[in-house]
Every structure is written in C-alpha cells, then in structure tokens.
C-alpha atoms as a PDB file:
ATOM      1  CA  MET A   1     110.372  92.423  95.706  1.00  0.00           C
ATOM      2  CA  ASN A   2     107.799  90.119  94.163  1.00  0.00           C
ATOM      3  CA  SER A   3     104.163  90.777  94.841  1.00  0.00           C
ATOM      4  CA  ARG A   4     102.605  89.290  97.964  1.00  0.00           C
ATOM      5  CA  LYS A   5      99.500  90.113  99.910  1.00  0.00           C
ATOM      6  CA  LEU A   6      99.435  92.531 102.796  1.00  0.00           C
ATOM      7  CA  PRO A   7      96.823  91.160 105.212  1.00  0.00           C
ATOM      8  CA  ARG A   8      94.976  94.433 105.705  1.00  0.00           C
ATOM      9  CA  LYS A   9      94.992  98.143 104.940  1.00  0.00           C
ATOM     10  CA  LYS A  10      93.792 100.798 107.357  1.00  0.00           C
ATOM     11  CA  ASN A  11      90.374 102.367 106.820  1.00  0.00           C
ATOM     12  CA  LEU A  12      90.812 105.824 105.256  1.00  0.00           C
ATOM     13  CA  SER A  13      88.165 107.617 107.345  1.00  0.00           C
ATOM     14  CA  ALA A  14      89.671 106.202 110.550  1.00  0.00           C
ATOM     15  CA  MET A  15      93.116 107.365 109.409  1.00  0.00           C
ATOM     16  CA  LYS A  16      91.735 110.893 108.983  1.00  0.00           C
ATOM     17  CA  MET A  17      90.274 110.789 112.480  1.00  0.00           C
ATOM     18  CA  LEU A  18      93.576 109.661 113.981  1.00  0.00           C
ATOM     19  CA  GLY A  19      95.365 112.328 111.942  1.00  0.00           C
ATOM     20  CA  ALA A  20      93.026 114.978 113.364  1.00  0.00           C
ATOM     21  CA  GLN A  21      93.833 113.756 116.877  1.00  0.00           C
ATOM     22  CA  LEU A  22      97.535 114.120 116.138  1.00  0.00           C
ATOM     23  CA  ALA A  23      97.031 117.649 114.785  1.00  0.00           C
ATOM     24  CA  THR A  24      95.081 118.649 117.914  1.00  0.00           C
ATOM     25  CA  ALA A  25      97.740 117.216 120.231  1.00  0.00           C
ATOM     26  CA  ARG A  26     100.533 118.872 118.245  1.00  0.00           C
ATOM     27  CA  ARG A  27      98.948 122.309 118.464  1.00  0.00           C
ATOM     28  CA  ALA A  28      98.169 121.848 122.167  1.00  0.00           C
ATOM     29  CA  ALA A  29     101.856 121.093 122.754  1.00  0.00           C
ATOM     30  CA  GLY A  30     102.878 124.242 120.866  1.00  0.00           C
ATOM     31  CA  PHE A  31     104.487 122.602 117.819  1.00  0.00           C
ATOM     32  CA  THR A  32     104.200 123.557 114.181  1.00  0.00           C
ATOM     33  CA  GLN A  33     104.328 120.714 111.674  1.00  0.00           C
ATOM     34  CA  ARG A  34     107.872 121.737 110.769  1.00  0.00           C
ATOM     35  CA  ALA A  35     109.064 121.934 114.369  1.00  0.00           C
ATOM     36  CA  LEU A  36     107.563 118.537 115.184  1.00  0.00           C
ATOM     37  CA  ALA A  37     109.122 116.985 112.080  1.00  0.00           C
ATOM     38  CA  GLU A  38     112.524 118.379 113.066  1.00  0.00           C
ATOM     39  CA  ARG A  39     112.249 116.961 116.595  1.00  0.00           C
ATOM     40  CA  LEU A  40     111.336 113.544 115.196  1.00  0.00           C
ATOM     41  CA  MET A  41     113.879 113.787 112.354  1.00  0.00           C
ATOM     42  CA  VAL A  42     111.274 113.082 109.684  1.00  0.00           C
ATOM     43  CA  ASP A  43     110.131 115.072 106.662  1.00  0.00           C
ATOM     44  CA  GLU A  44     107.550 117.815 107.269  1.00  0.00           C
ATOM     45  CA  GLU A  45     105.406 116.307 104.509  1.00  0.00           C
ATOM     46  CA  THR A  46     105.247 113.072 106.529  1.00  0.00           C
ATOM     47  CA  ILE A  47     103.576 114.883 109.427  1.00  0.00           C
ATOM     48  CA  ALA A  48     101.235 116.771 107.094  1.00  0.00           C
ATOM     49  CA  SER A  49     100.245 113.584 105.273  1.00  0.00           C
ATOM     50  CA  ILE A  50      99.483 111.734 108.525  1.00  0.00           C
ATOM     51  CA  GLU A  51      97.396 114.614 109.864  1.00  0.00           C
ATOM     52  CA  GLN A  52      95.407 114.763 106.624  1.00  0.00           C
ATOM     53  CA  GLY A  53      94.789 111.000 106.642  1.00  0.00           C
ATOM     54  CA  ARG A  54      96.780 110.402 103.468  1.00  0.00           C
ATOM     55  CA  ARG A  55      99.479 108.351 105.163  1.00  0.00           C
ATOM     56  CA  PRO A  56      99.077 105.752 107.929  1.00  0.00           C
ATOM     57  CA  LEU A  57     100.630 106.484 111.316  1.00  0.00           C
ATOM     58  CA  LYS A  58     103.086 103.690 112.137  1.00  0.00           C
ATOM     59  CA  ARG A  59     103.292 102.155 115.614  1.00  0.00           C
ATOM     60  CA  ASP A  60     106.909 103.191 116.309  1.00  0.00           C
ATOM     61  CA  LEU A  61     106.262 106.812 115.325  1.00  0.00           C
ATOM     62  CA  ALA A  62     103.049 106.831 117.382  1.00  0.00           C
ATOM     63  CA  GLU A  63     105.033 105.798 120.462  1.00  0.00           C
ATOM     64  CA  LEU A  64     107.507 108.649 119.935  1.00  0.00           C
ATOM     65  CA  LEU A  65     104.650 111.103 119.465  1.00  0.00           C
ATOM     66  CA  ASP A  66     102.879 109.899 122.608  1.00  0.00           C
ATOM     67  CA  GLU A  67     106.041 110.585 124.589  1.00  0.00           C
ATOM     68  CA  LEU A  68     106.836 113.936 122.996  1.00  0.00           C
ATOM     69  CA  LEU A  69     103.260 115.294 123.034  1.00  0.00           C
ATOM     70  CA  ASP A  70     102.362 113.707 126.389  1.00  0.00           C
ATOM     71  CA  THR A  71      99.290 112.009 124.921  1.00  0.00           C
ATOM     72  CA  LYS A  72      99.598 109.087 127.362  1.00  0.00           C
ATOM     73  CA  GLY A  73      99.410 106.288 124.800  1.00  0.00           C
ATOM     74  CA  LEU A  74      96.406 107.723 122.933  1.00  0.00           C
ATOM     75  CA  LEU A  75      98.027 107.660 119.487  1.00  0.00           C
ATOM     76  CA  SER A  76      99.548 104.201 119.934  1.00  0.00           C
ATOM     77  CA  ALA A  77      96.169 102.864 120.999  1.00  0.00           C
ATOM     78  CA  GLY A  78      94.599 104.546 117.988  1.00  0.00           C
ATOM     79  CA  VAL A  79      97.028 102.784 115.650  1.00  0.00           C
ATOM     80  CA  ASP A  80      96.364  99.427 117.305  1.00  0.00           C
ATOM     81  CA  ASN A  81      92.595  99.824 117.057  1.00  0.00           C
ATOM     82  CA  LEU A  82      92.093 101.293 113.617  1.00  0.00           C
ATOM     83  CA  PRO A  83      89.310  99.463 111.744  1.00  0.00           C
ATOM     84  CA  GLU A  84      90.686  97.658 108.728  1.00  0.00           C
ATOM     85  CA  ILE A  85      89.637  96.634 105.252  1.00  0.00           C
ATOM     86  CA  ASP A  86      91.354  94.501 102.638  1.00  0.00           C
ATOM     87  CA  GLN A  87      92.501  96.707  99.795  1.00  0.00           C
ATOM     88  CA  PHE A  88      96.055  96.613  98.459  1.00  0.00           C
ATOM     89  CA  PRO A  89      98.901  94.101  98.343  1.00  0.00           C
ATOM     90  CA  LEU A  90     102.208  94.973 100.006  1.00  0.00           C
ATOM     91  CA  TYR A  91     104.083  96.004  96.865  1.00  0.00           C
ATOM     92  CA  ALA A  92     101.315  98.492  95.957  1.00  0.00           C
ATOM     93  CA  GLU A  93     101.273  99.871  99.518  1.00  0.00           C
ATOM     94  CA  GLN A  94     105.005 100.486  99.316  1.00  0.00           C
ATOM     95  CA  TYR A  95     104.747 102.074  95.887  1.00  0.00           C
ATOM     96  CA  MET A  96     102.003 104.498  96.926  1.00  0.00           C
ATOM     97  CA  ALA A  97     103.917 105.514 100.049  1.00  0.00           C
ATOM     98  CA  HIS A  98     106.996 106.330  97.952  1.00  0.00           C
ATOM     99  CA  GLU A  99     104.888 108.002  95.253  1.00  0.00           C
ATOM    100  CA  ARG A 100     103.346 110.409  97.796  1.00  0.00           C
ATOM    101  CA  GLU A 101     106.792 111.617  98.857  1.00  0.00           C
ATOM    102  CA  ALA A 102     108.730 111.374  95.584  1.00  0.00           C
ATOM    103  CA  ILE A 103     110.611 114.424  94.364  1.00  0.00           C
ATOM    104  CA  SER A 104     110.633 113.102  90.788  1.00  0.00           C
ATOM    105  CA  LEU A 105     108.578 110.556  88.849  1.00  0.00           C
ATOM    106  CA  SER A 106     109.164 109.123  85.388  1.00  0.00           C
ATOM    107  CA  TRP A 107     106.392 106.890  84.055  1.00  0.00           C
ATOM    108  CA  TYR A 108     106.180 104.847  80.849  1.00  0.00           C
ATOM    109  CA  ASP A 109     102.893 103.202  79.880  1.00  0.00           C
ATOM    110  CA  ALA A 110     101.940 101.410  76.699  1.00  0.00           C
ATOM    111  CA  LEU A 111      98.375 100.134  77.030  1.00  0.00           C
ATOM    112  CA  VAL A 112      96.457 102.729  79.047  1.00  0.00           C
ATOM    113  CA  VAL A 113      96.824 106.291  80.283  1.00  0.00           C
ATOM    114  CA  PRO A 114      99.047 106.355  83.425  1.00  0.00           C
ATOM    115  CA  GLY A 115      97.070 106.080  86.660  1.00  0.00           C
ATOM    116  CA  LEU A 116      98.131 109.518  87.916  1.00  0.00           C
ATOM    117  CA  LEU A 117      96.575 111.101  84.812  1.00  0.00           C
ATOM    118  CA  GLN A 118      93.319 109.133  84.659  1.00  0.00           C
ATOM    119  CA  THR A 119      89.902 110.731  85.094  1.00  0.00           C
ATOM    120  CA  ARG A 120      87.589 109.065  87.606  1.00  0.00           C
ATOM    121  CA  GLU A 121      85.396 107.630  84.829  1.00  0.00           C
ATOM    122  CA  TYR A 122      88.387 106.320  82.878  1.00  0.00           C
ATOM    123  CA  ALA A 123      89.923 104.795  86.018  1.00  0.00           C
ATOM    124  CA  ARG A 124      86.657 103.034  86.836  1.00  0.00           C
ATOM    125  CA  ALA A 125      86.381 101.735  83.259  1.00  0.00           C
ATOM    126  CA  VAL A 126      89.935 100.360  83.405  1.00  0.00           C
ATOM    127  CA  LEU A 127      89.278  98.663  86.744  1.00  0.00           C
ATOM    128  CA  CYS A 128      86.016  97.228  85.395  1.00  0.00           C
ATOM    129  CA  GLU A 129      88.051  95.185  82.916  1.00  0.00           C
ATOM    130  CA  ARG A 130      89.760  93.242  85.683  1.00  0.00           C
ATOM    131  CA  VAL A 131      89.419  89.440  85.509  1.00  0.00           C
ATOM    132  CA  PRO A 132      88.164  88.127  87.877  1.00  0.00           C
ATOM    133  CA  ALA A 133      85.930  91.156  88.312  1.00  0.00           C
ATOM    134  CA  TYR A 134      85.888  93.322  91.425  1.00  0.00           C
ATOM    135  CA  ASP A 135      82.590  93.535  93.286  1.00  0.00           C
ATOM    136  CA  GLU A 136      80.936  96.967  93.453  1.00  0.00           C
ATOM    137  CA  ASP A 137      82.418  97.872  96.845  1.00  0.00           C
ATOM    138  CA  GLU A 138      85.955  96.928  95.750  1.00  0.00           C
ATOM    139  CA  LEU A 139      85.509  98.784  92.484  1.00  0.00           C
ATOM    140  CA  ALA A 140      84.385 101.969  94.226  1.00  0.00           C
ATOM    141  CA  THR A 141      87.194 101.762  96.805  1.00  0.00           C
ATOM    142  CA  LYS A 142      89.928 101.200  94.252  1.00  0.00           C
ATOM    143  CA  THR A 143      88.618 103.884  91.918  1.00  0.00           C
ATOM    144  CA  GLU A 144      88.592 106.489  94.685  1.00  0.00           C
ATOM    145  CA  ALA A 145      92.036 105.405  95.878  1.00  0.00           C
ATOM    146  CA  ARG A 146      93.453 105.825  92.365  1.00  0.00           C
ATOM    147  CA  VAL A 147      91.934 109.279  91.958  1.00  0.00           C
ATOM    148  CA  ALA A 148      93.094 110.321  95.449  1.00  0.00           C
ATOM    149  CA  ARG A 149      96.707 109.649  94.434  1.00  0.00           C
ATOM    150  CA  GLN A 150      96.441 112.572  92.020  1.00  0.00           C
ATOM    151  CA  GLU A 151      96.712 114.904  95.001  1.00  0.00           C
ATOM    152  CA  ILE A 152     100.429 115.073  94.307  1.00  0.00           C
ATOM    153  CA  LEU A 153      99.700 116.927  91.052  1.00  0.00           C
ATOM    154  CA  GLN A 154      98.329 119.834  93.102  1.00  0.00           C
ATOM    155  CA  ARG A 155     100.878 119.748  95.905  1.00  0.00           C
ATOM    156  CA  LYS A 156     102.443 123.071  96.906  1.00  0.00           C
ATOM    157  CA  CYS A 157     105.785 121.630  95.814  1.00  0.00           C
ATOM    158  CA  PRO A 158     104.832 118.853  93.363  1.00  0.00           C
ATOM    159  CA  PRO A 159     107.432 116.381  92.143  1.00  0.00           C
ATOM    160  CA  THR A 160     109.061 116.830  88.763  1.00  0.00           C
ATOM    161  CA  MET A 161     107.054 114.471  86.551  1.00  0.00           C
ATOM    162  CA  SER A 162     107.668 112.964  83.136  1.00  0.00           C
ATOM    163  CA  PHE A 163     105.231 110.683  81.312  1.00  0.00           C
ATOM    164  CA  VAL A 164     105.843 108.785  78.077  1.00  0.00           C
ATOM    165  CA  VAL A 165     102.772 107.017  76.685  1.00  0.00           C
ATOM    166  CA  TRP A 166     102.529 104.865  73.573  1.00  0.00           C
ATOM    167  CA  GLU A 167     100.152 106.582  71.163  1.00  0.00           C
ATOM    168  CA  PRO A 168      97.636 103.682  70.763  1.00  0.00           C
ATOM    169  CA  ALA A 169      96.495 104.271  74.369  1.00  0.00           C
ATOM    170  CA  LEU A 170      94.847 107.475  73.099  1.00  0.00           C
ATOM    171  CA  TYR A 171      92.625 105.618  70.631  1.00  0.00           C
ATOM    172  CA  LEU A 172      91.195 102.870  72.836  1.00  0.00           C
ATOM    173  CA  CYS A 173      87.568 103.708  73.714  1.00  0.00           C
ATOM    174  CA  ILE A 174      87.850 102.465  77.282  1.00  0.00           C
ATOM    175  CA  GLY A 175      84.510 103.273  78.868  1.00  0.00           C
ATOM    176  CA  GLY A 176      83.105 104.586  75.578  1.00  0.00           C
ATOM    177  CA  GLU A 177      83.773 107.585  73.360  1.00  0.00           C
ATOM    178  CA  LYS A 178      82.522 110.156  75.879  1.00  0.00           C
ATOM    179  CA  VAL A 179      84.904 108.846  78.556  1.00  0.00           C
ATOM    180  CA  ARG A 180      87.739 108.786  76.011  1.00  0.00           C
ATOM    181  CA  ARG A 181      87.221 112.420  74.998  1.00  0.00           C
ATOM    182  CA  GLU A 182      87.018 113.587  78.599  1.00  0.00           C
ATOM    183  CA  GLN A 183      90.252 111.728  79.240  1.00  0.00           C
ATOM    184  CA  LEU A 184      91.904 113.448  76.280  1.00  0.00           C
ATOM    185  CA  ARG A 185      90.764 116.844  77.572  1.00  0.00           C
ATOM    186  CA  TRP A 186      92.181 116.069  81.007  1.00  0.00           C
ATOM    187  CA  LEU A 187      95.504 115.005  79.482  1.00  0.00           C
ATOM    188  CA  ARG A 188      95.632 118.293  77.572  1.00  0.00           C
ATOM    189  CA  SER A 189      95.047 120.179  80.825  1.00  0.00           C
ATOM    190  CA  CYS A 190      97.704 118.158  82.670  1.00  0.00           C
ATOM    191  CA  ALA A 191     100.185 118.881  79.889  1.00  0.00           C
ATOM    192  CA  GLU A 192     100.151 122.535  80.980  1.00  0.00           C
ATOM    193  CA  LEU A 193     101.006 121.845  84.629  1.00  0.00           C
ATOM    194  CA  PRO A 194     104.372 123.266  85.710  1.00  0.00           C
ATOM    195  CA  GLY A 195     107.044 120.640  86.157  1.00  0.00           C
ATOM    196  CA  LEU A 196     105.081 118.026  84.177  1.00  0.00           C
ATOM    197  CA  SER A 197     106.214 116.715  80.801  1.00  0.00           C
ATOM    198  CA  LEU A 198     103.843 114.585  78.692  1.00  0.00           C
ATOM    199  CA  GLN A 199     105.141 112.870  75.564  1.00  0.00           C
ATOM    200  CA  PHE A 200     103.626 110.319  73.208  1.00  0.00           C
ATOM    201  CA  LEU A 201     105.526 107.578  71.471  1.00  0.00           C
ATOM    202  CA  SER A 202     104.355 107.544  67.862  1.00  0.00           C
ATOM    203  CA  THR A 203     102.804 104.507  66.198  1.00  0.00           C
ATOM    204  CA  GLN A 204     105.083 105.345  63.273  1.00  0.00           C
ATOM    205  CA  ALA A 205     108.149 104.284  65.247  1.00  0.00           C
ATOM    206  CA  SER A 206     109.514 101.019  63.846  1.00  0.00           C
ATOM    207  CA  ALA A 207     110.736  99.995  67.312  1.00  0.00           C
ATOM    208  CA  HIS A 208     111.354 101.593  70.691  1.00  0.00           C
ATOM    209  CA  ALA A 209     112.997 100.983  74.052  1.00  0.00           C
ATOM    210  CA  GLY A 210     109.761 100.138  75.867  1.00  0.00           C
ATOM    211  CA  LEU A 211     108.915  96.809  74.256  1.00  0.00           C
ATOM    212  CA  ASP A 212     109.356  94.941  77.545  1.00  0.00           C
ATOM    213  CA  GLY A 213     106.415  96.757  79.154  1.00  0.00           C
ATOM    214  CA  ALA A 214     105.457  99.567  81.489  1.00  0.00           C
ATOM    215  CA  PHE A 215     107.583 100.810  84.377  1.00  0.00           C
ATOM    216  CA  THR A 216     107.975 103.755  86.727  1.00  0.00           C
ATOM    217  CA  LEU A 217     111.100 105.412  88.096  1.00  0.00           C
ATOM    218  CA  LEU A 218     111.053 107.599  91.185  1.00  0.00           C
ATOM    219  CA  GLU A 219     113.460 109.530  93.376  1.00  0.00           C
ATOM    220  CA  THR A 220     112.822 109.700  97.129  1.00  0.00           C
ATOM    221  CA  PRO A 221     113.457 112.820  99.261  1.00  0.00           C
ATOM    222  CA  ASP A 222     116.778 111.296 100.365  1.00  0.00           C
ATOM    223  CA  HIS A 223     117.708 110.837  96.674  1.00  0.00           C
ATOM    224  CA  GLN A 224     117.315 107.075  96.534  1.00  0.00           C
ATOM    225  CA  LEU A 225     116.447 105.916  93.018  1.00  0.00           C
ATOM    226  CA  LEU A 226     113.830 103.166  92.751  1.00  0.00           C
ATOM    227  CA  ALA A 227     111.833 101.520  89.992  1.00  0.00           C
ATOM    228  CA  TYR A 228     108.503  99.728  89.855  1.00  0.00           C
ATOM    229  CA  THR A 229     107.378  97.348  87.132  1.00  0.00           C
ATOM    230  CA  GLU A 230     103.999  95.760  86.478  1.00  0.00           C
ATOM    231  CA  GLY A 231     103.020  92.568  84.703  1.00  0.00           C
ATOM    232  CA  GLN A 232     100.035  90.295  84.184  1.00  0.00           C
ATOM    233  CA  ARG A 233     100.748  88.128  87.213  1.00  0.00           C
ATOM    234  CA  GLY A 234     102.470  90.476  89.584  1.00  0.00           C
ATOM    235  CA  SER A 235     104.505  93.583  90.140  1.00  0.00           C
ATOM    236  CA  GLN A 236     107.843  94.227  91.745  1.00  0.00           C
ATOM    237  CA  TRP A 237     110.109  96.831  93.202  1.00  0.00           C
ATOM    238  CA  VAL A 238     113.539  97.259  91.680  1.00  0.00           C
ATOM    239  CA  ALA A 239     116.033  98.737  94.136  1.00  0.00           C
ATOM    240  CA  ASP A 240     119.305  97.243  92.905  1.00  0.00           C
ATOM    241  CA  PRO A 241     121.310 100.195  91.498  1.00  0.00           C
ATOM    242  CA  ASP A 242     122.404  98.243  88.426  1.00  0.00           C
ATOM    243  CA  GLU A 243     118.836  97.247  87.538  1.00  0.00           C
ATOM    244  CA  VAL A 244     117.504 100.747  88.197  1.00  0.00           C
ATOM    245  CA  SER A 245     120.250 102.095  85.949  1.00  0.00           C
ATOM    246  CA  VAL A 246     119.088  99.832  83.110  1.00  0.00           C
ATOM    247  CA  LEU A 247     115.530 101.146  83.393  1.00  0.00           C
ATOM    248  CA  ALA A 248     116.733 104.743  83.687  1.00  0.00           C
ATOM    249  CA  ARG A 249     118.681 104.335  80.449  1.00  0.00           C
ATOM    250  CA  LYS A 250     115.604 102.828  78.795  1.00  0.00           C
ATOM    251  CA  TYR A 251     113.540 105.782  79.912  1.00  0.00           C
ATOM    252  CA  ALA A 252     116.090 108.258  78.588  1.00  0.00           C
ATOM    253  CA  MET A 253     115.966 106.458  75.238  1.00  0.00           C
ATOM    254  CA  LEU A 254     112.150 106.483  75.237  1.00  0.00           C
ATOM    255  CA  ARG A 255     112.100 110.237  75.791  1.00  0.00           C
ATOM    256  CA  SER A 256     114.438 110.738  72.860  1.00  0.00           C
ATOM    257  CA  GLN A 257     112.296 108.466  70.653  1.00  0.00           C
ATOM    258  CA  ALA A 258     108.979 110.097  71.620  1.00  0.00           C
ATOM    259  CA  MET A 259     107.384 113.235  70.263  1.00  0.00           C
ATOM    260  CA  SER A 260     108.414 116.420  72.020  1.00  0.00           C
ATOM    261  CA  PRO A 261     106.040 117.824  74.669  1.00  0.00           C
ATOM    262  CA  HIS A 262     104.994 120.519  72.184  1.00  0.00           C
ATOM    263  CA  GLU A 263     104.285 117.954  69.450  1.00  0.00           C
ATOM    264  CA  SER A 264     102.382 115.837  71.966  1.00  0.00           C
ATOM    265  CA  LYS A 265     100.119 118.760  72.877  1.00  0.00           C
ATOM    266  CA  GLY A 266      99.500 119.239  69.165  1.00  0.00           C
ATOM    267  CA  LEU A 267      98.449 115.595  68.820  1.00  0.00           C
ATOM    268  CA  LEU A 268      95.932 116.007  71.637  1.00  0.00           C
ATOM    269  CA  ASP A 269      94.599 119.191  70.036  1.00  0.00           C
ATOM    270  CA  ARG A 270      94.096 117.381  66.725  1.00  0.00           C
ATOM    271  CA  LEU A 271      92.345 114.473  68.399  1.00  0.00           C
ATOM    272  CA  LEU A 272      90.050 116.887  70.215  1.00  0.00           C
ATOM    273  CA  GLY A 273      89.309 118.714  66.968  1.00  0.00           C
ATOM    274  CA  GLU A 274      90.610 121.982  68.312  1.00  0.00           C
ATOM    275  CA  GLN A 275      92.904 122.635  65.350  1.00  0.00           C
END
C-alpha cells in the first residue's frame, strides 16, 4: 500500500479517558480482560491496549461492547466524539498498530538507529532534520509518539526482536556527541534484553544484502507475515507472500553477513571506551 494521508488521528489523552471508561464498565459487568476478549473473539492484549489508551477503540468494537456491557451507547458515542489532531498518515497508523501486537520483529536500518531503540534526545534530533521542518508542537508530539512505541520492549511477553544496523549509523553525531554517547549506552543496555538480538553490519564488508534500503519484517499474532519499507518520498506495506519472502531472504542474508550479537556488544563497548 503506497503512502496516503489519514485525515485525523485520535487525541492520546482522550483515548486514555475512553479506555478508562471501558475498564470501569468491564469490571462493573464482572469481566476480566481475558474473559471479555474471549467473548468478543479478540486478543487479550487488544483489550488491555485499548484500556491503557495505547490503541484506539474502533466503532464496530465499541458497538459490541455497548451491547455486551450494557453501557447504552456510551462507548460508541465516545468514539464518535473523540477530539482529534493531525499526526500520522495511514500507512504509519497501520504499521504502529501491527507493531504493538507483533510476536516477532526483524528490522534493518542503514542510516540511523532503529526507531524502537532511539533515546528521546536522539529521536528528537532525527526528527529535527526533517525538510520541511516540523513546528515545535509537531516535533514534540512525534518525538513522544516514537518513544511511546518502545513500550513493547518492556511488555510482559515482548516480541522476539532482531535488529541489524549498518555500522556507520553509530558514528554520526546526530544531536551532538553527548546525544550520540547516550544513544550508544542505551543500545548497549538494549542488547542485554531477553529475546532481543542486536547486530551491526561492518563497514569492512565489500557488499551486503541491504543496499536497497531499510525495511522491517513482522509476524502478527495470527502468524501473518508482513513487511514495511521506507523511502524518501513514501513508505509502503508489503503483504504479498512472494514479496515478503524476498525481504525475509534478504534479512536472513544480512544476519549472516553482520557481526554476531557478541561481537556487536564488543563494538559498542569499544566505542564507549569500556574496554
């Protein structure tokens, strides 16, 4: 799917308020999150995410909830009347929704540290380089949204994650040397997270399988394999099995061409002067 604009995105604080209303109604009706999810035939994480304001409540689900919880149209009305702000295009909305629920993520980046591993200061510095520039409100909103996505790193059952990053991304002083070093320290910390593999693709490699640019692979809870690619003038979903297979094979090759996770930790230690 080629990029196109989504007219509006729901206000995050209003989403949290609506999520709290759902949680109150659920408890009043005697349901646990798991029991409610089973009745609605959705994933338990979907209910949890909506109640915590991390995922928007959709109109069709709100109608089912109103009927099941006897909330007399309250949730549907809440969806219809949420205040809105412009924030993300449709393709990014879809990606973030899938990212929140993914059971596995594989991410290759060549120019910057992957968004899920960026510190707040680094993320802001990256977004500051956008042309045309964001205004201060947009910059603050997008920075916080990027950092908020990192919640999946601390999830009770986080996805299995693999990151391959081209080594030059470690040397760019985006935001200045202090920001760079803090980013390196954060990467070193992330490299110790269970279920997360971080590998760097050496500058000494004569060629590699990622010359066509960055991409992400993810697996949904129902085991659908999807890919997401980004470019200068747009981004797109890749859902065709043949095309996803091509990117999956590229990623497998990149992992074999990159330093091992142990060697990659050693590189970070050397850059931080800890060895």
